[in-house]
Amino acid sequence: QVQLVESGGRLVQAGGSLRLSCAASGGTFSSYVMGWFRQAPGKEREFVAAISRSGGRIPYADSVKGRFTISRDNAKNTVYLQMSSLKPEDTAVYYCAARTTNSDAVYATIRLYDHWGQGTQVTVSS
């Protein structure tokens, strides 16, 4: 059973940058497609970005395209979310998620992910 622990969330001013990390343990990290999702107060959880096992397939939500970059380091069992040009509407709890796959597929659908972290709070002040 894989365990996911996010870190790096904090209060930041609009226009600033943050890097979130998600460390995985208890599983074979290289066999997982990894995703980042977020949930703002009063809103449903939404897709942010995902990365395939190889790192070759990387979809982004339109709202973050060009500002956020997802990456993974299979040697460190860690996935990252580099966020720049942050906006107040990026304020949310950010979750990483994992799904075992035998292919290089990626998924943007919440229900397809099997494992979730506890989340890390990102607050962007205006």
Foldseek 3Di string as FASTA:
>chain_A
DKAKAKDWADEAAAQAKTKMKIAIDDDQLLQKKKFKWWDDPPGDIFGAWIAFSVRPDIDGDPVQPPFWDWDDDSVRRMIMIIGGSDDQVVWTWMKMFIAGDPDRDHDGDPVRTDYIYPTGTHGYHD
